Amino acid sequence: MNNLVLYSFSSSSTSSSHTMKAIIISYFMLILGLFCSGNFGTPFDEDIGDVFNVLDYGAISNFDIDNSQAFLEAWNAACNAETGIPKVFVPQDMTFLVYPITFNGPCKVQEIHFVISGTVVAPNSPSIWTGQDASLWMAFRDVIGLNVYGFGAINGQGKGWWDQSCRYHPELALKFISCNEGRIGNINVTDSAQTHILIEGCKEFNIQNLWIQSPGNSPNTDGIHIQASQSLSINNIKIASGDDCISIGDYTSNIDIDNVECGPGHGISIGSLGKGGNFVRVENIHVNNSLFIGTTNGARIKTWQRGRGYVQQVLFENLKFINVKNPIIIDQNYCDVRGACPPQLETGVQISNVAYKRMTGTSGTDIAINLNCSLSVPCSEITMHSIQLESAIAGRQVIASCSNAHGKETAVVPSPCLLDTSDM
């Protein structure tokens, strides 16, 4: 089901009945995709190689028993297998408590599977992290050919963290560091203390058929964050979170995002970038065929004034917005506290060659298109084509607002506001 389509686009589908139909179709197709994907094998493939069941290494299905050592021993045995495609197996209909753990490579074989058919849960008490690395819960590091799948669930049990300062949260449920030519799919990931899945320093990595969910008011619970990675494919994902559904960080390129349903959450965001005044390099980002329901943002690029470098060759296309506060937004003057960041006249991240094509839907605010670009480093080569946005409130009008944004527009509603490129 790699070509799963969450919904069909129609510029006339603005009635409540059509909106509900789109939502129902999206849920149905997502579930169908989750349970019909054939790209990850099954837990019972006989020709896949040796199976390393965590039960054989002392794991016990119990919310009160730490199974970290059993999981680690099963991983080490599989990672050191000499031949075949070894498989670590977490059996179905069982729940395993796992404390902070890192599965290290490189492994002796070129492909290894980690099959989660049961449920893996994090400790629900913040005190467990006392004296431990609060930047991770479950991490895979330096593994080539890693495949994580299995129709099971990963629960970060983040509720115990959300009421205290974010500085004390473990950062994420799943962390993939320098894992090339890998995949993750067919898993339900819920309630991380912060980011649910982080991809850092990876190449040729595929993420598909996931259901990621946490409450809309849970702080900093990004669905997927990508950092310093290249050539990633993300498709057939449903994300409900308290922060960005997908966020893209520095030194990232060649990212293909397709068939994502986002809501609640803060949209699909490039950034924020350049907070520390560092050099930014983000390019070749493609977001396609995705649905945003009740989100804070839709397609967003956000950079700090102090940053340097560039964001270029970005394409957002075939997007549907339902009551989204900022369907299309660029903010080159991003600041985490409104009004607290004085203007910078000598720095800025250059945003250029960004295209928005074939978008429809409704805005929850009066400004449906908001391009707040830098006075010192204006946005350039922005193109918009075939965009139809209206207010989510009957009888209200929406507008487009542009500052220091240059480019061309055709067939855009609300009225265009880009400055002609020749005026630069």
Protein backbone atom coordinates (compact mmCIF):
# COMPACT_ATOMS: atom_id res chain seq x y z
CA MET A 1 0.00 0.00 0.00
CA ASN A 2 2.82 2.40 -0.73
CA ASN A 3 0.52 4.51 -2.86
CA LEU A 4 -2.13 4.92 -0.18
CA VAL A 5 -4.18 8.08 -0.73
CA LEU A 6 -5.68 9.66 2.38
CA TYR A 7 -8.29 11.66 0.51
CA SER A 8 -9.11 13.06 -2.92
CA PHE A 9 -8.78 16.77 -3.64
CA SER A 10 -11.66 18.80 -4.91
CA SER A 11 -11.76 22.58 -5.00
CA SER A 12 -15.52 22.46 -4.57
CA SER A 13 -15.47 20.21 -1.49
CA THR A 14 -16.02 22.95 1.07
CA SER A 15 -19.33 21.87 2.55
CA SER A 16 -19.51 20.21 5.95
CA SER A 17 -20.62 16.93 4.40
CA HIS A 18 -17.62 16.83 2.11
CA THR A 19 -15.34 17.76 4.98
CA MET A 20 -16.67 14.91 7.09
CA LYS A 21 -16.36 12.56 4.15
CA ALA A 22 -12.69 13.51 3.73
CA ILE A 23 -12.01 12.83 7.41
CA ILE A 24 -13.79 9.46 7.36
CA ILE A 25 -11.94 8.40 4.21
CA SER A 26 -8.62 9.45 5.67
CA TYR A 27 -9.10 7.33 8.80
CA PHE A 28 -10.31 4.34 6.81
CA MET A 29 -7.45 4.48 4.37
CA LEU A 30 -4.88 4.98 7.11
CA ILE A 31 -6.06 1.85 8.95
CA LEU A 32 -6.10 -0.06 5.68
CA GLY A 33 -2.54 1.06 4.98
CA LEU A 34 -1.36 0.13 8.46
CA PHE A 35 -2.59 -3.42 8.20
CA CYS A 36 -1.97 -4.14 4.53
CA SER A 37 1.58 -2.94 3.95
CA GLY A 38 3.74 -5.74 2.63
CA ASN A 39 7.12 -4.05 2.81
CA PHE A 40 8.20 -5.15 6.27
CA GLY A 41 7.50 -8.86 6.27
CA THR A 42 5.68 -10.55 9.15
CA PRO A 43 6.87 -11.76 12.55
CA PHE A 44 6.72 -15.35 11.30
CA ASP A 45 8.74 -15.35 8.09
CA GLU A 46 10.52 -18.70 8.10
CA ASP A 47 13.28 -17.73 5.71
CA ILE A 48 14.33 -14.52 7.41
CA GLY A 49 17.00 -15.99 9.70
CA ASP A 50 17.31 -16.74 13.40
CA VAL A 51 14.70 -15.30 15.78
CA PHE A 52 15.88 -13.84 19.08
CA ASN A 53 12.77 -13.75 21.26
CA VAL A 54 13.16 -11.43 24.27
CA LEU A 55 11.37 -14.05 26.39
CA ASP A 56 14.32 -16.39 25.86
CA TYR A 57 16.59 -13.79 27.46
CA GLY A 58 14.50 -13.33 30.59
CA ALA A 59 11.93 -10.72 29.59
CA ILE A 60 8.70 -10.82 31.63
CA SER A 61 5.39 -9.26 30.65
CA ASN A 62 4.84 -6.98 33.64
CA PHE A 63 4.41 -3.24 34.19
CA ASP A 64 6.69 -3.35 37.25
CA ILE A 65 9.70 -5.35 36.00
CA ASP A 66 12.56 -3.71 34.11
CA ASN A 67 13.24 -5.71 30.95
CA SER A 68 16.08 -3.57 29.64
CA GLN A 69 18.76 -6.19 30.17
CA ALA A 70 16.74 -8.92 28.47
CA PHE A 71 16.09 -6.65 25.47
CA LEU A 72 19.75 -5.70 25.30
CA GLU A 73 20.94 -9.30 25.45
CA ALA A 74 18.54 -10.32 22.68
CA TRP A 75 19.78 -7.39 20.58
CA ASN A 76 23.44 -8.18 21.14
CA ALA A 77 22.91 -11.82 20.19
CA ALA A 78 21.11 -10.82 16.99
CA CYS A 79 23.61 -8.08 16.16
CA ASN A 80 26.48 -10.56 16.47
CA ALA A 81 24.85 -13.20 14.28
CA GLU A 82 27.21 -14.20 11.48
CA THR A 83 24.71 -15.02 8.72
CA GLY A 84 21.14 -14.52 7.56
CA ILE A 85 18.80 -11.74 8.63
CA PRO A 86 18.49 -11.99 12.41
CA LYS A 87 15.31 -10.81 14.10
CA VAL A 88 14.74 -9.56 17.63
CA PHE A 89 11.16 -10.47 18.51
CA VAL A 90 8.85 -8.80 21.06
CA PRO A 91 5.84 -11.16 21.17
CA GLN A 92 2.24 -10.07 20.79
CA ASP A 93 -0.34 -9.87 23.59
CA MET A 94 2.37 -8.92 26.10
CA THR A 95 3.53 -5.66 27.64
CA PHE A 96 7.17 -5.05 28.54
CA LEU A 97 8.54 -2.25 30.71
CA VAL A 98 11.88 -0.98 29.39
CA TYR A 99 14.13 1.59 31.08
CA PRO A 100 16.46 3.90 29.08
CA ILE A 101 18.40 1.74 26.62
CA THR A 102 20.60 2.06 23.51
CA PHE A 103 20.90 -0.66 20.87
CA ASN A 104 24.35 -0.17 19.38
CA GLY A 105 25.81 -1.24 16.07
CA PRO A 106 27.43 -1.82 13.77
CA CYS A 107 26.18 -5.37 13.47
CA LYS A 108 27.97 -8.21 11.70
CA VAL A 109 25.19 -8.65 9.16
CA GLN A 110 24.00 -6.03 6.69
CA GLU A 111 20.33 -6.25 7.68
CA ILE A 112 18.67 -6.78 11.06
CA HIS A 113 15.00 -6.75 12.07
CA PHE A 114 13.47 -5.58 15.35
CA VAL A 115 9.88 -6.83 15.43
CA ILE A 116 7.54 -5.28 17.99
CA SER A 117 4.33 -7.28 17.99
CA GLY A 118 3.55 -6.60 21.64
CA THR A 119 3.69 -3.36 23.63
CA VAL A 120 6.81 -1.66 24.95
CA VAL A 121 6.28 0.95 27.66
CA ALA A 122 8.54 3.51 29.32
CA PRO A 123 8.64 4.05 33.09
CA ASN A 124 5.84 6.36 34.17
CA SER A 125 7.87 7.98 36.95
CA PRO A 126 10.27 10.85 36.14
CA SER A 127 12.43 9.73 39.07
CA ILE A 128 13.64 6.73 37.04
CA TRP A 129 15.77 9.12 34.95
CA THR A 130 17.67 10.44 37.98
CA GLY A 131 21.37 10.14 37.15
CA GLN A 132 20.66 8.85 33.62
CA ASP A 133 20.81 10.47 30.19
CA ALA A 134 17.55 12.39 29.88
CA SER A 135 18.01 12.78 26.12
CA LEU A 136 16.68 9.34 25.27
CA TRP A 137 14.50 6.42 26.17
CA MET A 138 14.99 3.88 23.35
CA ALA A 139 17.77 4.55 20.86
CA PHE A 140 19.35 2.72 17.93
CA ARG A 141 22.87 3.86 17.00
CA ASP A 142 25.20 3.07 14.06
CA VAL A 143 23.05 0.28 12.60
CA ILE A 144 22.97 -0.40 8.85
CA GLY A 145 19.90 -2.11 7.40
CA LEU A 146 17.73 -1.74 10.52
CA ASN A 147 14.05 -2.64 10.10
CA VAL A 148 11.72 -1.83 13.02
CA TYR A 149 8.11 -2.98 12.57
CA GLY A 150 5.53 -5.41 13.86
CA PHE A 151 1.97 -4.04 14.35
CA GLY A 152 2.71 -3.45 18.02
CA ALA A 153 2.84 -0.33 20.19
CA ILE A 154 5.41 1.88 21.87
CA ASN A 155 4.10 3.95 24.77
CA GLY A 156 6.33 6.66 26.23
CA GLN A 157 3.95 7.24 29.18
CA GLY A 158 4.72 10.96 29.00
CA LYS A 159 1.84 12.19 31.12
CA GLY A 160 3.98 12.16 34.24
CA TRP A 161 6.37 14.63 32.60
CA TRP A 162 4.03 17.11 30.96
CA ASP A 163 3.15 19.00 34.14
CA GLN A 164 6.75 19.82 35.01
CA SER A 165 9.39 21.91 33.22
CA CYS A 166 10.33 20.63 29.77
CA ARG A 167 14.01 20.88 30.63
CA TYR A 168 13.58 17.75 32.76
CA HIS A 169 11.85 15.64 30.13
CA PRO A 170 13.51 12.70 28.40
CA GLU A 171 13.43 13.92 24.83
CA LEU A 172 11.82 11.13 22.88
CA ALA A 173 10.39 7.66 22.58
CA LEU A 174 12.45 6.40 19.64
CA LYS A 175 15.80 7.75 18.52
CA PHE A 176 17.68 6.66 15.39
CA ILE A 177 21.26 7.95 15.28
CA SER A 178 23.49 7.31 12.24
CA CYS A 179 21.29 4.47 11.06
CA ASN A 180 21.56 4.18 7.27
CA GLU A 181 19.40 2.22 4.83
CA GLY A 182 16.83 1.53 7.54
CA ARG A 183 13.06 1.52 7.92
CA ILE A 184 10.41 1.86 10.59
CA GLY A 185 6.74 1.12 10.06
CA ASN A 186 3.45 -0.45 11.13
CA ILE A 187 3.73 0.64 14.76
CA ASN A 188 1.57 2.79 17.03
CA VAL A 189 3.75 5.29 18.93
CA THR A 190 2.03 7.19 21.76
CA ASP A 191 2.53 9.69 24.57
CA SER A 192 6.23 10.47 24.39
CA ALA A 193 7.57 12.82 27.04
CA GLN A 194 8.73 15.00 24.15
CA THR A 195 9.46 14.14 20.49
CA HIS A 196 8.08 10.73 19.54
CA ILE A 197 10.58 9.80 16.81
CA LEU A 198 13.91 11.48 16.05
CA ILE A 199 16.02 10.75 12.99
CA GLU A 200 19.54 12.16 13.37
CA GLY A 201 22.51 11.70 11.07
CA CYS A 202 20.73 9.06 8.97
CA LYS A 203 20.78 8.41 5.23
CA GLU A 204 18.44 6.39 3.03
CA PHE A 205 15.87 5.90 5.80
CA ASN A 206 12.18 5.15 5.26
CA ILE A 207 9.33 5.85 7.69
CA GLN A 208 5.87 4.60 6.74
CA ASN A 209 2.52 3.39 8.05
CA LEU A 210 2.76 4.86 11.55
CA TRP A 211 0.13 6.13 13.94
CA ILE A 212 1.68 8.70 16.28
CA GLN A 213 -0.52 10.25 18.93
CA SER A 214 -0.42 12.40 22.05
CA PRO A 215 -2.86 15.05 23.37
CA GLY A 216 -2.95 18.41 21.63
CA ASN A 217 -1.91 20.14 24.88
CA SER A 218 1.11 17.91 25.56
CA PRO A 219 4.23 20.14 25.39
CA ASN A 220 6.93 19.70 22.74
CA THR A 221 5.61 16.34 21.60
CA ASP A 222 6.67 16.57 17.95
CA GLY A 223 5.61 13.55 15.94
CA ILE A 224 8.80 13.16 13.88
CA HIS A 225 11.89 15.38 14.00
CA ILE A 226 14.60 15.12 11.36
CA GLN A 227 18.09 16.46 12.00
CA ALA A 228 21.27 16.37 9.89
CA SER A 229 19.85 13.62 7.66
CA GLN A 230 19.63 13.01 3.92
CA SER A 231 17.46 11.03 1.53
CA LEU A 232 14.51 10.20 3.79
CA SER A 233 11.07 9.02 2.75
CA ILE A 234 8.08 9.58 5.06
CA ASN A 235 4.68 8.36 3.91
CA ASN A 236 1.30 7.09 5.09
CA ILE A 237 1.48 8.62 8.56
CA LYS A 238 -1.23 9.85 10.93
CA ILE A 239 0.02 12.24 13.62
CA ALA A 240 -1.83 13.89 16.50
CA SER A 241 0.50 15.80 18.81
CA GLY A 242 1.12 18.87 20.94
CA ASP A 243 3.79 20.31 18.62
CA ASP A 244 4.90 19.95 15.00
CA CYS A 245 3.60 16.82 13.32
CA ILE A 246 6.87 16.76 11.39
CA SER A 247 9.78 19.16 11.95
CA ILE A 248 12.89 19.48 9.81
CA GLY A 249 16.14 20.72 11.33
CA ASP A 250 19.55 21.88 10.14
CA TYR A 251 21.76 20.12 7.58
CA THR A 252 18.88 18.19 6.12
CA SER A 253 18.25 17.51 2.43
CA ASN A 254 16.32 15.33 -0.01
CA ILE A 255 13.30 14.67 2.20
CA ASP A 256 10.13 13.29 0.59
CA ILE A 257 6.97 13.55 2.74
CA ASP A 258 3.75 12.11 1.32
CA ASN A 259 0.30 11.14 2.59
CA VAL A 260 0.40 12.61 6.08
CA GLU A 261 -2.64 13.43 8.20
CA CYS A 262 -1.81 16.04 10.83
CA GLY A 263 -4.07 17.17 13.66
CA PRO A 264 -4.02 18.28 16.33
CA GLY A 265 -0.53 19.74 16.11
CA HIS A 266 1.53 22.61 14.75
CA GLY A 267 1.73 21.43 11.16
CA ILE A 268 4.69 20.36 9.02
CA SER A 269 7.54 22.75 9.74
CA ILE A 270 10.97 23.46 8.34
CA GLY A 271 12.67 24.85 11.44
CA SER A 272 13.02 26.56 13.65
CA LEU A 273 16.49 27.23 12.23
CA GLY A 274 19.45 29.38 13.23
CA LYS A 275 18.58 30.11 16.86
CA GLY A 276 22.23 30.19 17.95
CA GLY A 277 23.39 32.18 14.95
CA ASN A 278 24.66 29.02 13.28
CA PHE A 279 24.92 28.33 9.54
CA VAL A 280 21.81 26.60 8.17
CA ARG A 281 21.69 24.31 5.15
CA VAL A 282 18.29 22.82 4.23
CA GLU A 283 17.31 21.94 0.67
CA ASN A 284 15.24 19.67 -1.56
CA ILE A 285 12.22 19.22 0.70
CA HIS A 286 8.98 17.90 -0.84
CA VAL A 287 5.66 17.76 1.04
CA ASN A 288 2.81 16.25 -0.96
CA ASN A 289 -0.80 15.04 -0.68
CA SER A 290 -1.37 15.77 3.00
CA LEU A 291 -4.28 16.80 5.21
CA PHE A 292 -4.26 19.25 8.13
CA ILE A 293 -7.22 19.24 10.54
CA GLY A 294 -7.53 21.97 13.20
CA THR A 295 -3.79 22.55 13.37
CA THR A 296 -1.99 25.73 14.41
CA ASN A 297 -0.05 25.79 11.12
CA GLY A 298 -0.08 23.99 7.83
CA ALA A 299 2.99 24.40 5.62
CA ARG A 300 5.49 26.39 7.71
CA ILE A 301 9.08 27.64 7.41
CA LYS A 302 10.50 29.37 10.50
CA THR A 303 13.96 30.86 11.03
CA TRP A 304 15.60 33.03 13.66
CA GLN A 305 17.01 36.40 12.67
CA ARG A 306 20.46 35.53 14.03
CA GLY A 307 20.84 32.52 11.75
CA ARG A 308 22.85 32.34 8.53
CA GLY A 309 22.82 30.00 5.55
CA TYR A 310 19.88 28.99 3.41
CA VAL A 311 16.64 27.09 2.89
CA GLN A 312 16.03 26.38 -0.79
CA GLN A 313 14.25 24.13 -3.29
CA VAL A 314 11.16 23.44 -1.23
CA LEU A 315 7.86 22.22 -2.72
CA PHE A 316 4.54 22.05 -0.89
CA GLU A 317 1.78 20.67 -3.11
CA ASN A 318 -1.63 18.99 -3.02
CA LEU A 319 -2.46 20.03 0.53
CA LYS A 320 -5.88 20.24 2.17
CA PHE A 321 -6.56 22.46 5.21
CA ILE A 322 -9.57 22.20 7.51
CA ASN A 323 -9.84 25.07 10.03
CA VAL A 324 -6.08 25.66 10.16
CA LYS A 325 -4.96 28.90 11.83
CA ASN A 326 -2.02 29.55 9.49
CA PRO A 327 -2.37 27.38 6.38
CA ILE A 328 0.68 28.89 4.64
CA ILE A 329 3.31 30.67 6.71
CA ILE A 330 6.92 31.77 6.46
CA ASP A 331 8.42 33.50 9.49
CA GLN A 332 12.00 34.72 9.12
CA ASN A 333 11.62 36.65 12.36
CA TYR A 334 10.75 33.71 14.58
CA CYS A 335 10.98 34.28 18.32
CA ASP A 336 9.79 32.02 21.13
CA VAL A 337 8.58 35.06 23.11
CA ARG A 338 6.63 37.57 21.03
CA GLY A 339 8.40 40.94 20.90
CA ALA A 340 11.47 39.73 22.80
CA CYS A 341 13.79 39.43 19.77
CA PRO A 342 15.11 42.80 18.57
CA PRO A 343 15.52 43.27 14.78
CA GLN A 344 18.78 41.98 13.26
CA LEU A 345 19.89 43.92 10.19
CA GLU A 346 23.02 42.01 9.20
CA THR A 347 22.03 38.35 9.51
CA GLY A 348 19.28 36.04 8.37
CA VAL A 349 18.64 32.68 6.73
CA GLN A 350 18.08 33.05 2.98
CA ILE A 351 14.78 31.45 1.92
CA SER A 352 14.49 30.95 -1.85
CA ASN A 353 12.92 28.78 -4.53
CA VAL A 354 9.89 27.75 -2.47
CA ALA A 355 6.76 26.64 -4.35
CA TYR A 356 3.16 26.21 -3.16
CA LYS A 357 0.84 24.40 -5.58
CA ARG A 358 -2.73 23.07 -5.59
CA MET A 359 -3.98 23.82 -2.09
CA THR A 360 -7.53 24.15 -0.84
CA GLY A 361 -9.34 24.52 2.45
CA THR A 362 -10.26 26.84 5.29
CA SER A 363 -8.35 29.16 7.58
CA GLY A 364 -9.17 29.60 11.25
CA THR A 365 -7.78 33.17 11.20
CA ASP A 366 -8.20 36.14 8.86
CA ILE A 367 -4.66 35.80 7.46
CA ALA A 368 -4.63 32.61 5.40
CA ILE A 369 -1.25 33.32 3.76
CA ASN A 370 1.39 34.97 5.94
CA LEU A 371 4.88 35.53 4.55
CA ASN A 372 6.81 37.45 7.20
CA CYS A 373 10.23 37.68 5.58
CA SER A 374 13.43 39.40 6.62
CA LEU A 375 14.24 42.99 5.74
CA SER A 376 17.95 42.16 5.51
CA VAL A 377 17.54 38.83 3.66
CA PRO A 378 14.18 38.88 1.85
CA CYS A 379 12.43 35.74 0.63
CA SER A 380 13.02 35.26 -3.10
CA GLU A 381 11.73 33.07 -5.94
CA ILE A 382 8.50 32.23 -4.10
CA THR A 383 5.87 30.78 -6.42
CA MET A 384 2.20 30.12 -5.75
CA HIS A 385 -0.19 28.41 -8.12
CA SER A 386 -3.76 27.13 -7.89
CA ILE A 387 -4.50 28.00 -4.26
CA GLN A 388 -8.06 28.42 -2.98
CA LEU A 389 -8.39 29.33 0.72
CA GLU A 390 -11.42 30.70 2.53
CA SER A 391 -12.49 31.38 6.07
CA ALA A 392 -13.61 28.58 8.36
CA ILE A 393 -16.18 31.09 9.68
CA ALA A 394 -19.13 31.64 7.39
CA GLY A 395 -19.33 35.16 5.99
CA ARG A 396 -15.77 36.21 6.89
CA GLN A 397 -13.06 37.06 4.40
CA VAL A 398 -9.42 36.00 4.52
CA ILE A 399 -6.40 37.90 3.27
CA ALA A 400 -2.76 37.33 2.30
CA SER A 401 -0.04 39.26 4.09
CA CYS A 402 3.49 39.58 2.69
CA SER A 403 6.55 41.43 3.98
CA ASN A 404 9.76 41.40 1.94
CA ALA A 405 8.58 38.41 -0.08
CA HIS A 406 9.30 38.27 -3.82
CA GLY A 407 7.99 35.91 -6.45
CA LYS A 408 5.09 35.11 -8.76
CA GLU A 409 1.49 33.99 -8.23
CA THR A 410 -1.21 32.58 -10.49
CA ALA A 411 -4.75 31.52 -9.60
CA VAL A 412 -4.39 32.38 -5.91
CA VAL A 413 -7.23 33.24 -3.52
CA PRO A 414 -7.01 35.32 -1.33
CA SER A 415 -5.59 38.13 -3.45
CA PRO A 416 -1.87 37.84 -4.17
CA CYS A 417 0.63 39.89 -2.17
CA LEU A 418 4.05 38.83 -3.45
CA LEU A 419 6.36 41.50 -4.82
CA ASP A 420 7.61 40.98 -8.34
CA THR A 421 11.08 39.46 -8.39
CA SER A 422 12.29 42.26 -10.65
CA ASP A 423 11.71 44.72 -7.80
CA MET A 424 14.54 43.23 -5.73
